[in-house]
Amino acid sequence: MELEQLKHFLLVAEQANFTRAAELAFLSQSALSRSIARLEEELGRPLFERRTRRVTLTDAGNLFLSRARQITSLAEDAKEEMIDDGTTGRVRIAAIPTIAPYYLPERLRDFQTHYSQARLIVHEETTERLLKRVLEGDIDVAIAALPIDQKYLHVETLFEEELLLVMAAEHPLAAKKSIRIEDIESLPFILLGEAHCLTDNVVSFCQQKAFHPVSVETTSQLVMVQELVALNHGVSLVPAMARNLDSSPKRIYRPLSGTKPSRQIVMITNPYRYQSKLQKKFEESLIQHSQKPTTKQTI
């Protein structure tokens, strides 16, 4: 079994297509197919179910997938450790969708200014998927929001972010500079789907105030939440960082009075994986740009 075969297997698994995987591997489709066939022959079991337009993993393929990722990640770690000079190499970064487009671009630009030879690879994942990839070694540094229910990961709080009430510009509450919790108890809410931790933050806050938001619509994208709000389908609570990039006159953002809803933004790493000097410098850059003092925990 060769390392290249494992990389070929992972490409096909990720792309679910031999043609696309072959293009990414700079191989002919026939050469890639032979590589996978040799691997399957050595393992004694088929790893893929071949279909007309896509391929899917067999039970054996799913079982082999995590092992292949671990092996290739360890091999890459070993290589990076040998050439670790603190200025070159890669850092694989992931963030949840309600953070990635609002927080990462400026952080990446600042870091790239100081480390122009660094290769920053960015992924956008839901919290569950993000944590799994950090554990498996696919991701070096992840940015998410508490709570994080996962053992064996290092979690460091970066800052606390307020959640703001967003409503249509013509909404009756738009004239108020500050909104009471009583003002929104009976209003329909637009929320992200259950896979997004922001929904947990919103619902948890509302329950602490003894009411449950009536969700009239759910979506998987924060920008869609904003658009539905602009159409007066309901109101929502969204991160302050989302307001900073919203120039639309169709929406108004207001803070809630009293105890304000918020979320804790955290940086997540795997302390059991090799961490390059470049990765540590990237982590330090995030901490330096944090708005408040950091706290540390390992769970």
C-alpha atoms as a PDB file:
ATOM      1  CA  MET A   1       0.000   0.000   0.000  1.00  0.00           C
ATOM      2  CA  GLU A   2       1.477   3.322  -1.111  1.00  0.00           C
ATOM      3  CA  LEU A   3       0.806   6.819   0.201  1.00  0.00           C
ATOM      4  CA  GLU A   4      -0.131   8.014  -3.287  1.00  0.00           C
ATOM      5  CA  GLN A   5      -2.796   5.324  -3.482  1.00  0.00           C
ATOM      6  CA  LEU A   6      -4.330   6.618  -0.266  1.00  0.00           C
ATOM      7  CA  LYS A   7      -4.323  10.161  -1.647  1.00  0.00           C
ATOM      8  CA  HIS A   8      -6.009   8.924  -4.819  1.00  0.00           C
ATOM      9  CA  PHE A   9      -8.625   7.106  -2.739  1.00  0.00           C
ATOM     10  CA  LEU A  10      -9.356  10.261  -0.719  1.00  0.00           C
ATOM     11  CA  LEU A  11      -9.701  12.367  -3.866  1.00  0.00           C
ATOM     12  CA  VAL A  12     -12.243   9.983  -5.370  1.00  0.00           C
ATOM     13  CA  ALA A  13     -14.128   9.807  -2.060  1.00  0.00           C
ATOM     14  CA  GLU A  14     -14.283  13.606  -1.805  1.00  0.00           C
ATOM     15  CA  GLN A  15     -15.222  14.223  -5.438  1.00  0.00           C
ATOM     16  CA  ALA A  16     -17.501  11.180  -5.829  1.00  0.00           C
ATOM     17  CA  ASN A  17     -16.311  11.139  -9.413  1.00  0.00           C
ATOM     18  CA  PHE A  18     -13.269   9.536 -11.079  1.00  0.00           C
ATOM     19  CA  THR A  19     -13.000  12.161 -13.814  1.00  0.00           C
ATOM     20  CA  ARG A  20     -12.844  15.151 -11.442  1.00  0.00           C
ATOM     21  CA  ALA A  21     -10.506  13.293  -9.086  1.00  0.00           C
ATOM     22  CA  ALA A  22      -8.173  12.431 -11.960  1.00  0.00           C
ATOM     23  CA  GLU A  23      -8.013  16.086 -13.017  1.00  0.00           C
ATOM     24  CA  LEU A  24      -7.093  17.160  -9.478  1.00  0.00           C
ATOM     25  CA  ALA A  25      -4.436  14.425  -9.290  1.00  0.00           C
ATOM     26  CA  PHE A  26      -3.055  15.372 -12.737  1.00  0.00           C
ATOM     27  CA  LEU A  27      -3.584  11.785 -13.893  1.00  0.00           C
ATOM     28  CA  SER A  28      -5.505  10.151 -16.686  1.00  0.00           C
ATOM     29  CA  GLN A  29      -8.760   8.564 -15.558  1.00  0.00           C
ATOM     30  CA  SER A  30      -7.447   5.125 -16.490  1.00  0.00           C
ATOM     31  CA  ALA A  31      -4.302   5.614 -14.373  1.00  0.00           C
ATOM     32  CA  LEU A  32      -6.379   6.700 -11.384  1.00  0.00           C
ATOM     33  CA  SER A  33      -8.734   3.744 -11.844  1.00  0.00           C
ATOM     34  CA  ARG A  34      -5.766   1.337 -11.885  1.00  0.00           C
ATOM     35  CA  SER A  35      -4.406   2.881  -8.686  1.00  0.00           C
ATOM     36  CA  ILE A  36      -7.740   2.376  -6.899  1.00  0.00           C
ATOM     37  CA  ALA A  37      -8.124  -1.126  -8.332  1.00  0.00           C
ATOM     38  CA  ARG A  38      -4.695  -2.125  -6.971  1.00  0.00           C
ATOM     39  CA  LEU A  39      -5.628  -0.753  -3.568  1.00  0.00           C
ATOM     40  CA  GLU A  40      -8.907  -2.671  -3.556  1.00  0.00           C
ATOM     41  CA  GLU A  41      -7.093  -5.823  -4.625  1.00  0.00           C
ATOM     42  CA  GLU A  42      -4.607  -5.461  -1.766  1.00  0.00           C
ATOM     43  CA  LEU A  43      -7.374  -4.855   0.774  1.00  0.00           C
ATOM     44  CA  GLY A  44      -9.479  -7.667  -0.634  1.00  0.00           C
ATOM     45  CA  ARG A  45     -12.678  -5.627  -0.694  1.00  0.00           C
ATOM     46  CA  PRO A  46     -14.259  -3.034  -3.031  1.00  0.00           C
ATOM     47  CA  LEU A  47     -14.050   0.517  -1.730  1.00  0.00           C
ATOM     48  CA  PHE A  48     -16.416   2.142  -4.214  1.00  0.00           C
ATOM     49  CA  GLU A  49     -19.705   1.391  -5.891  1.00  0.00           C
ATOM     50  CA  ARG A  50     -19.292   2.520  -9.508  1.00  0.00           C
ATOM     51  CA  ARG A  51     -22.337   4.206 -11.005  1.00  0.00           C
ATOM     52  CA  THR A  52     -22.915   6.041 -14.273  1.00  0.00           C
ATOM     53  CA  ARG A  53     -22.364   9.602 -13.063  1.00  0.00           C
ATOM     54  CA  ARG A  54     -20.923   9.232  -9.575  1.00  0.00           C
ATOM     55  CA  VAL A  55     -19.311   6.762  -7.249  1.00  0.00           C
ATOM     56  CA  THR A  56     -20.191   6.120  -3.617  1.00  0.00           C
ATOM     57  CA  LEU A  57     -18.254   4.504  -0.807  1.00  0.00           C
ATOM     58  CA  THR A  58     -19.053   0.941   0.151  1.00  0.00           C
ATOM     59  CA  ASP A  59     -19.232  -0.053   3.828  1.00  0.00           C
ATOM     60  CA  ALA A  60     -15.577  -1.054   3.577  1.00  0.00           C
ATOM     61  CA  GLY A  61     -14.784   2.266   1.916  1.00  0.00           C
ATOM     62  CA  ASN A  62     -16.407   4.227   4.725  1.00  0.00           C
ATOM     63  CA  LEU A  63     -14.457   2.205   7.268  1.00  0.00           C
ATOM     64  CA  PHE A  64     -11.199   2.775   5.385  1.00  0.00           C
ATOM     65  CA  LEU A  65     -11.846   6.506   4.892  1.00  0.00           C
ATOM     66  CA  SER A  66     -10.937   7.659   8.413  1.00  0.00           C
ATOM     67  CA  ARG A  67      -7.812   5.479   8.463  1.00  0.00           C
ATOM     68  CA  ALA A  68      -6.648   6.832   5.116  1.00  0.00           C
ATOM     69  CA  ARG A  69      -7.103  10.386   6.380  1.00  0.00           C
ATOM     70  CA  GLN A  70      -5.162   9.636   9.546  1.00  0.00           C
ATOM     71  CA  ILE A  71      -2.279   8.048   7.650  1.00  0.00           C
ATOM     72  CA  THR A  72      -1.965  10.833   5.077  1.00  0.00           C
ATOM     73  CA  SER A  73      -2.265  13.510   7.770  1.00  0.00           C
ATOM     74  CA  LEU A  74       0.490  11.887   9.833  1.00  0.00           C
ATOM     75  CA  ALA A  75       2.714  11.669   6.766  1.00  0.00           C
ATOM     76  CA  GLU A  76       2.106  15.345   5.990  1.00  0.00           C
ATOM     77  CA  ASP A  77       2.769  16.258   9.631  1.00  0.00           C
ATOM     78  CA  ALA A  78       6.114  14.449   9.516  1.00  0.00           C
ATOM     79  CA  LYS A  79       7.106  16.239   6.310  1.00  0.00           C
ATOM     80  CA  GLU A  80       6.091  19.646   7.655  1.00  0.00           C
ATOM     81  CA  GLU A  81       7.968  19.056  10.892  1.00  0.00           C
ATOM     82  CA  MET A  82      11.178  18.428   8.946  1.00  0.00           C
ATOM     83  CA  ILE A  83      10.894  21.664   6.952  1.00  0.00           C
ATOM     84  CA  ASP A  84       9.214  23.830   9.594  1.00  0.00           C
ATOM     85  CA  ASP A  85      10.857  27.272   9.325  1.00  0.00           C
ATOM     86  CA  GLY A  86       7.966  29.367  10.626  1.00  0.00           C
ATOM     87  CA  THR A  87       7.446  31.331   7.410  1.00  0.00           C
ATOM     88  CA  THR A  88       6.524  28.800   4.718  1.00  0.00           C
ATOM     89  CA  GLY A  89       4.106  25.889   4.626  1.00  0.00           C
ATOM     90  CA  ARG A  90       0.353  25.695   4.972  1.00  0.00           C
ATOM     91  CA  VAL A  91      -2.296  26.331   7.589  1.00  0.00           C
ATOM     92  CA  ARG A  92      -5.681  24.678   7.109  1.00  0.00           C
ATOM     93  CA  ILE A  93      -8.403  26.873   8.583  1.00  0.00           C
ATOM     94  CA  ALA A  94     -12.119  26.274   9.005  1.00  0.00           C
ATOM     95  CA  ALA A  95     -14.982  28.367  10.350  1.00  0.00           C
ATOM     96  CA  ILE A  96     -18.709  27.971  10.708  1.00  0.00           C
ATOM     97  CA  PRO A  97     -20.866  29.742   8.069  1.00  0.00           C
ATOM     98  CA  THR A  98     -22.014  32.484  10.453  1.00  0.00           C
ATOM     99  CA  ILE A  99     -18.375  33.456  11.089  1.00  0.00           C
ATOM    100  CA  ALA A 100     -16.338  32.592   7.976  1.00  0.00           C
ATOM    101  CA  PRO A 101     -17.385  35.366   5.529  1.00  0.00           C
ATOM    102  CA  TYR A 102     -17.538  38.100   8.175  1.00  0.00           C
ATOM    103  CA  TYR A 103     -14.494  37.443  10.342  1.00  0.00           C
ATOM    104  CA  LEU A 104     -11.905  35.507   8.340  1.00  0.00           C
ATOM    105  CA  PRO A 105     -11.146  37.666   5.268  1.00  0.00           C
ATOM    106  CA  GLU A 106      -9.531  40.511   7.224  1.00  0.00           C
ATOM    107  CA  ARG A 107      -7.649  38.115   9.515  1.00  0.00           C
ATOM    108  CA  LEU A 108      -6.306  36.190   6.520  1.00  0.00           C
ATOM    109  CA  ARG A 109      -5.286  39.355   4.695  1.00  0.00           C
ATOM    110  CA  ASP A 110      -3.413  40.675   7.743  1.00  0.00           C
ATOM    111  CA  PHE A 111      -1.587  37.403   8.276  1.00  0.00           C
ATOM    112  CA  GLN A 112      -0.689  37.062   4.593  1.00  0.00           C
ATOM    113  CA  THR A 113       0.815  40.554   4.698  1.00  0.00           C
ATOM    114  CA  HIS A 114       3.392  39.395   7.244  1.00  0.00           C
ATOM    115  CA  TYR A 115       3.813  35.840   5.916  1.00  0.00           C
ATOM    116  CA  SER A 116       3.527  36.136   2.174  1.00  0.00           C
ATOM    117  CA  GLN A 117       4.924  32.641   1.520  1.00  0.00           C
ATOM    118  CA  ALA A 118       2.355  30.938   3.732  1.00  0.00           C
ATOM    119  CA  ARG A 119      -0.407  28.946   2.065  1.00  0.00           C
ATOM    120  CA  LEU A 120      -3.739  29.436   3.838  1.00  0.00           C
ATOM    121  CA  ILE A 121      -6.432  26.895   2.971  1.00  0.00           C
ATOM    122  CA  VAL A 122      -9.922  27.880   4.096  1.00  0.00           C
ATOM    123  CA  HIS A 123     -12.980  25.684   4.636  1.00  0.00           C
ATOM    124  CA  GLU A 124     -16.528  26.520   5.716  1.00  0.00           C
ATOM    125  CA  GLU A 125     -18.220  23.818   7.791  1.00  0.00           C
ATOM    126  CA  THR A 126     -21.033  23.338  10.285  1.00  0.00           C
ATOM    127  CA  THR A 127     -19.860  22.850  13.875  1.00  0.00           C
ATOM    128  CA  GLU A 128     -20.310  19.076  13.906  1.00  0.00           C
ATOM    129  CA  ARG A 129     -18.399  18.576  10.682  1.00  0.00           C
ATOM    130  CA  LEU A 130     -15.735  21.108  11.692  1.00  0.00           C
ATOM    131  CA  LEU A 131     -14.984  19.330  14.999  1.00  0.00           C
ATOM    132  CA  LYS A 132     -14.734  15.977  13.256  1.00  0.00           C
ATOM    133  CA  ARG A 133     -12.190  17.316  10.778  1.00  0.00           C
ATOM    134  CA  VAL A 134     -10.089  18.894  13.532  1.00  0.00           C
ATOM    135  CA  LEU A 135     -10.024  15.550  15.343  1.00  0.00           C
ATOM    136  CA  GLU A 136      -9.039  13.697  12.175  1.00  0.00           C
ATOM    137  CA  GLY A 137      -6.245  16.154  11.389  1.00  0.00           C
ATOM    138  CA  ASP A 138      -7.844  17.615   8.244  1.00  0.00           C
ATOM    139  CA  ILE A 139      -8.079  21.061   9.848  1.00  0.00           C
ATOM    140  CA  ASP A 140      -5.372  22.860  11.850  1.00  0.00           C
ATOM    141  CA  VAL A 141      -7.304  25.806  13.277  1.00  0.00           C
ATOM    142  CA  ALA A 142     -11.074  26.128  13.538  1.00  0.00           C
ATOM    143  CA  ILE A 143     -13.247  29.100  14.486  1.00  0.00           C
ATOM    144  CA  ALA A 144     -16.680  28.394  15.957  1.00  0.00           C
ATOM    145  CA  ALA A 145     -19.042  29.433  18.751  1.00  0.00           C
ATOM    146  CA  LEU A 146     -19.724  27.837  22.110  1.00  0.00           C
ATOM    147  CA  PRO A 147     -20.960  25.401  23.230  1.00  0.00           C
ATOM    148  CA  ILE A 148     -18.409  22.862  21.985  1.00  0.00           C
ATOM    149  CA  ASP A 149     -19.297  19.348  23.058  1.00  0.00           C
ATOM    150  CA  GLN A 150     -16.202  17.401  22.059  1.00  0.00           C
ATOM    151  CA  LYS A 151     -13.406  15.821  24.076  1.00  0.00           C
ATOM    152  CA  TYR A 152      -9.678  15.946  23.332  1.00  0.00           C
ATOM    153  CA  LEU A 153      -9.730  19.374  21.703  1.00  0.00           C
ATOM    154  CA  HIS A 154      -8.187  22.620  22.908  1.00  0.00           C
ATOM    155  CA  VAL A 155     -10.699  25.476  22.984  1.00  0.00           C
ATOM    156  CA  GLU A 156      -9.611  29.075  23.465  1.00  0.00           C
ATOM    157  CA  THR A 157     -12.101  31.923  23.748  1.00  0.00           C
ATOM    158  CA  LEU A 158     -11.333  34.785  21.383  1.00  0.00           C
ATOM    159  CA  PHE A 159     -14.135  37.242  22.105  1.00  0.00           C
ATOM    160  CA  GLU A 160     -17.776  37.669  22.984  1.00  0.00           C
ATOM    161  CA  GLU A 161     -20.058  38.967  20.262  1.00  0.00           C
ATOM    162  CA  GLU A 162     -23.414  40.629  20.737  1.00  0.00           C
ATOM    163  CA  LEU A 163     -26.440  39.400  18.786  1.00  0.00           C
ATOM    164  CA  LEU A 164     -28.544  42.192  17.320  1.00  0.00           C
ATOM    165  CA  LEU A 165     -32.216  42.246  16.454  1.00  0.00           C
ATOM    166  CA  VAL A 166     -32.675  42.696  12.702  1.00  0.00           C
ATOM    167  CA  MET A 167     -35.982  43.787  11.197  1.00  0.00           C
ATOM    168  CA  ALA A 168     -37.364  45.295   8.032  1.00  0.00           C
ATOM    169  CA  ALA A 169     -36.803  49.042   7.710  1.00  0.00           C
ATOM    170  CA  GLU A 170     -40.566  49.660   7.790  1.00  0.00           C
ATOM    171  CA  HIS A 171     -41.141  47.445  10.852  1.00  0.00           C
ATOM    172  CA  PRO A 172     -43.129  49.164  13.674  1.00  0.00           C
ATOM    173  CA  LEU A 173     -40.197  48.670  16.071  1.00  0.00           C
ATOM    174  CA  ALA A 174     -37.671  50.245  13.692  1.00  0.00           C
ATOM    175  CA  ALA A 175     -38.169  53.714  15.189  1.00  0.00           C
ATOM    176  CA  LYS A 176     -36.922  52.535  18.583  1.00  0.00           C
ATOM    177  CA  LYS A 177     -33.229  52.837  19.388  1.00  0.00           C
ATOM    178  CA  SER A 178     -33.387  49.976  21.889  1.00  0.00           C
ATOM    179  CA  ILE A 179     -35.808  47.082  22.012  1.00  0.00           C
ATOM    180  CA  ARG A 180     -37.159  45.357  25.117  1.00  0.00           C
ATOM    181  CA  ILE A 181     -37.532  41.604  25.265  1.00  0.00           C
ATOM    182  CA  GLU A 182     -41.282  42.127  25.784  1.00  0.00           C
ATOM    183  CA  ASP A 183     -41.471  43.872  22.417  1.00  0.00           C
ATOM    184  CA  ILE A 184     -40.463  40.765  20.482  1.00  0.00           C
ATOM    185  CA  GLU A 185     -42.098  37.927  22.469  1.00  0.00           C
ATOM    186  CA  SER A 186     -45.016  37.567  20.068  1.00  0.00           C
ATOM    187  CA  LEU A 187     -43.131  38.275  16.844  1.00  0.00           C
ATOM    188  CA  PRO A 188     -42.414  35.559  14.247  1.00  0.00           C
ATOM    189  CA  PHE A 189     -38.718  34.658  14.019  1.00  0.00           C
ATOM    190  CA  ILE A 190     -36.626  33.546  11.069  1.00  0.00           C
ATOM    191  CA  LEU A 191     -33.949  31.100  12.180  1.00  0.00           C
ATOM    192  CA  LEU A 192     -31.144  29.077  10.665  1.00  0.00           C
ATOM    193  CA  GLY A 193     -31.563  25.316  10.468  1.00  0.00           C
ATOM    194  CA  GLU A 194     -30.833  23.097  13.468  1.00  0.00           C
ATOM    195  CA  ALA A 195     -27.335  22.281  12.191  1.00  0.00           C
ATOM    196  CA  HIS A 196     -26.249  25.865  12.945  1.00  0.00           C
ATOM    197  CA  CYS A 197     -25.172  26.682  16.491  1.00  0.00           C
ATOM    198  CA  LEU A 198     -26.429  30.264  16.113  1.00  0.00           C
ATOM    199  CA  THR A 199     -29.965  28.900  16.366  1.00  0.00           C
ATOM    200  CA  ASP A 200     -29.029  27.269  19.674  1.00  0.00           C
ATOM    201  CA  ASN A 201     -27.665  30.610  20.913  1.00  0.00           C
ATOM    202  CA  VAL A 202     -30.880  32.421  19.971  1.00  0.00           C
ATOM    203  CA  VAL A 203     -33.268  29.804  21.357  1.00  0.00           C
ATOM    204  CA  SER A 204     -31.251  29.463  24.573  1.00  0.00           C
ATOM    205  CA  PHE A 205     -31.375  33.211  25.182  1.00  0.00           C
ATOM    206  CA  CYS A 206     -35.110  33.349  24.536  1.00  0.00           C
ATOM    207  CA  GLN A 207     -35.789  30.436  26.871  1.00  0.00           C
ATOM    208  CA  GLN A 208     -33.808  32.183  29.617  1.00  0.00           C
ATOM    209  CA  LYS A 209     -36.237  35.065  29.176  1.00  0.00           C
ATOM    210  CA  ALA A 210     -39.182  32.642  29.500  1.00  0.00           C
ATOM    211  CA  PHE A 211     -40.353  32.683  25.900  1.00  0.00           C
ATOM    212  CA  HIS A 212     -39.744  30.529  22.851  1.00  0.00           C
ATOM    213  CA  PRO A 213     -39.410  32.221  19.453  1.00  0.00           C
ATOM    214  CA  VAL A 214     -42.106  31.276  16.984  1.00  0.00           C
ATOM    215  CA  SER A 215     -40.126  30.197  13.946  1.00  0.00           C
ATOM    216  CA  VAL A 216     -42.074  30.848  10.766  1.00  0.00           C
ATOM    217  CA  GLU A 217     -39.220  30.033   8.388  1.00  0.00           C
ATOM    218  CA  THR A 218     -35.828  28.347   8.566  1.00  0.00           C
ATOM    219  CA  THR A 219     -32.921  28.511   6.148  1.00  0.00           C
ATOM    220  CA  SER A 220     -29.324  27.312   5.926  1.00  0.00           C
ATOM    221  CA  GLN A 221     -27.733  30.682   5.044  1.00  0.00           C
ATOM    222  CA  LEU A 222     -27.478  33.790   7.198  1.00  0.00           C
ATOM    223  CA  VAL A 223     -27.769  36.007   4.109  1.00  0.00           C
ATOM    224  CA  MET A 224     -31.141  34.359   3.399  1.00  0.00           C
ATOM    225  CA  VAL A 225     -32.256  35.182   6.937  1.00  0.00           C
ATOM    226  CA  GLN A 226     -31.420  38.817   6.235  1.00  0.00           C
ATOM    227  CA  GLU A 227     -33.270  38.776   2.918  1.00  0.00           C
ATOM    228  CA  LEU A 228     -36.399  37.218   4.452  1.00  0.00           C
ATOM    229  CA  VAL A 229     -36.290  39.837   7.196  1.00  0.00           C
ATOM    230  CA  ALA A 230     -36.082  42.586   4.548  1.00  0.00           C
ATOM    231  CA  LEU A 231     -39.252  41.142   2.995  1.00  0.00           C
ATOM    232  CA  ASN A 232     -40.956  41.484   6.414  1.00  0.00           C
ATOM    233  CA  HIS A 233     -41.406  37.736   6.918  1.00  0.00           C
ATOM    234  CA  GLY A 234     -40.283  38.140  10.525  1.00  0.00           C
ATOM    235  CA  VAL A 235     -37.403  39.295  12.698  1.00  0.00           C
ATOM    236  CA  SER A 236     -34.220  37.573  13.797  1.00  0.00           C
ATOM    237  CA  LEU A 237     -31.193  37.805  16.072  1.00  0.00           C
ATOM    238  CA  VAL A 238     -27.939  37.867  14.115  1.00  0.00           C
ATOM    239  CA  PRO A 239     -24.241  38.358  14.940  1.00  0.00           C
ATOM    240  CA  ALA A 240     -22.994  41.944  15.070  1.00  0.00           C
ATOM    241  CA  MET A 241     -20.294  41.044  12.524  1.00  0.00           C
ATOM    242  CA  ALA A 242     -23.026  40.327   9.961  1.00  0.00           C
ATOM    243  CA  ARG A 243     -24.352  43.871  10.410  1.00  0.00           C
ATOM    244  CA  ASN A 244     -20.921  45.298   9.658  1.00  0.00           C
ATOM    245  CA  LEU A 245     -21.034  43.969   6.093  1.00  0.00           C
ATOM    246  CA  ASP A 246     -24.682  44.809   5.446  1.00  0.00           C
ATOM    247  CA  SER A 247     -25.173  48.076   3.560  1.00  0.00           C
ATOM    248  CA  SER A 248     -28.793  47.431   2.585  1.00  0.00           C
ATOM    249  CA  PRO A 249     -31.272  50.174   3.565  1.00  0.00           C
ATOM    250  CA  LYS A 250     -34.001  47.521   3.706  1.00  0.00           C
ATOM    251  CA  ARG A 251     -32.929  46.272   7.144  1.00  0.00           C
ATOM    252  CA  ILE A 252     -32.502  47.888  10.550  1.00  0.00           C
ATOM    253  CA  TYR A 253     -30.358  46.512  13.382  1.00  0.00           C
ATOM    254  CA  ARG A 254     -31.061  47.282  17.024  1.00  0.00           C
ATOM    255  CA  PRO A 255     -29.567  46.074  20.342  1.00  0.00           C
ATOM    256  CA  LEU A 256     -31.827  44.585  22.980  1.00  0.00           C
ATOM    257  CA  SER A 257     -32.022  46.424  26.272  1.00  0.00           C
ATOM    258  CA  GLY A 258     -31.097  44.758  29.553  1.00  0.00           C
ATOM    259  CA  THR A 259     -29.168  41.495  29.391  1.00  0.00           C
ATOM    260  CA  LYS A 260     -27.985  41.315  25.816  1.00  0.00           C
ATOM    261  CA  PRO A 261     -27.919  38.085  23.791  1.00  0.00           C
ATOM    262  CA  SER A 262     -24.416  37.094  22.743  1.00  0.00           C
ATOM    263  CA  ARG A 263     -22.214  34.223  21.663  1.00  0.00           C
ATOM    264  CA  GLN A 264     -18.665  33.247  22.559  1.00  0.00           C
ATOM    265  CA  ILE A 265     -16.344  32.944  19.552  1.00  0.00           C
ATOM    266  CA  VAL A 266     -13.623  30.351  20.085  1.00  0.00           C
ATOM    267  CA  MET A 267     -10.533  28.959  18.381  1.00  0.00           C
ATOM    268  CA  ILE A 268     -10.266  25.156  18.317  1.00  0.00           C
ATOM    269  CA  THR A 269      -7.127  23.071  17.770  1.00  0.00           C
ATOM    270  CA  ASN A 270      -6.067  19.482  18.285  1.00  0.00           C
ATOM    271  CA  PRO A 271      -3.339  19.323  20.976  1.00  0.00           C
ATOM    272  CA  TYR A 272      -2.498  15.752  19.991  1.00  0.00           C
ATOM    273  CA  ARG A 273      -1.453  16.702  16.456  1.00  0.00           C
ATOM    274  CA  TYR A 274       1.781  18.307  15.330  1.00  0.00           C
ATOM    275  CA  GLN A 275       1.434  22.101  15.265  1.00  0.00           C
ATOM    276  CA  SER A 276       3.854  23.936  13.016  1.00  0.00           C
ATOM    277  CA  LYS A 277       5.503  27.227  13.921  1.00  0.00           C
ATOM    278  CA  LEU A 278       3.433  28.872  11.189  1.00  0.00           C
ATOM    279  CA  GLN A 279       0.207  27.505  12.657  1.00  0.00           C
ATOM    280  CA  LYS A 280       1.143  28.817  16.097  1.00  0.00           C
ATOM    281  CA  LYS A 281       1.858  32.237  14.601  1.00  0.00           C
ATOM    282  CA  PHE A 282      -1.565  32.213  12.948  1.00  0.00           C
ATOM    283  CA  GLU A 283      -3.176  31.325  16.277  1.00  0.00           C
ATOM    284  CA  GLU A 284      -1.282  34.174  17.934  1.00  0.00           C
ATOM    285  CA  SER A 285      -2.484  36.579  15.251  1.00  0.00           C
ATOM    286  CA  LEU A 286      -6.117  35.645  15.991  1.00  0.00           C
ATOM    287  CA  ILE A 287      -5.597  36.188  19.705  1.00  0.00           C
ATOM    288  CA  GLN A 288      -3.941  39.551  19.125  1.00  0.00           C
ATOM    289  CA  HIS A 289      -6.944  40.710  17.104  1.00  0.00           C
ATOM    290  CA  SER A 290      -9.426  39.494  19.707  1.00  0.00           C
ATOM    291  CA  GLN A 291     -11.584  42.175  21.191  1.00  0.00           C
ATOM    292  CA  LYS A 292     -11.365  40.927  24.771  1.00  0.00           C
ATOM    293  CA  PRO A 293      -8.912  38.967  26.976  1.00  0.00           C
ATOM    294  CA  THR A 294      -8.856  35.251  26.239  1.00  0.00           C
ATOM    295  CA  THR A 295      -9.610  32.302  28.471  1.00  0.00           C
ATOM    296  CA  LYS A 296      -8.423  28.774  27.943  1.00  0.00           C
ATOM    297  CA  GLN A 297      -9.893  25.342  28.472  1.00  0.00           C
ATOM    298  CA  THR A 298      -9.266  21.836  27.273  1.00  0.00           C
ATOM    299  CA  ILE A 299     -12.240  19.541  26.952  1.00  0.00           C
END
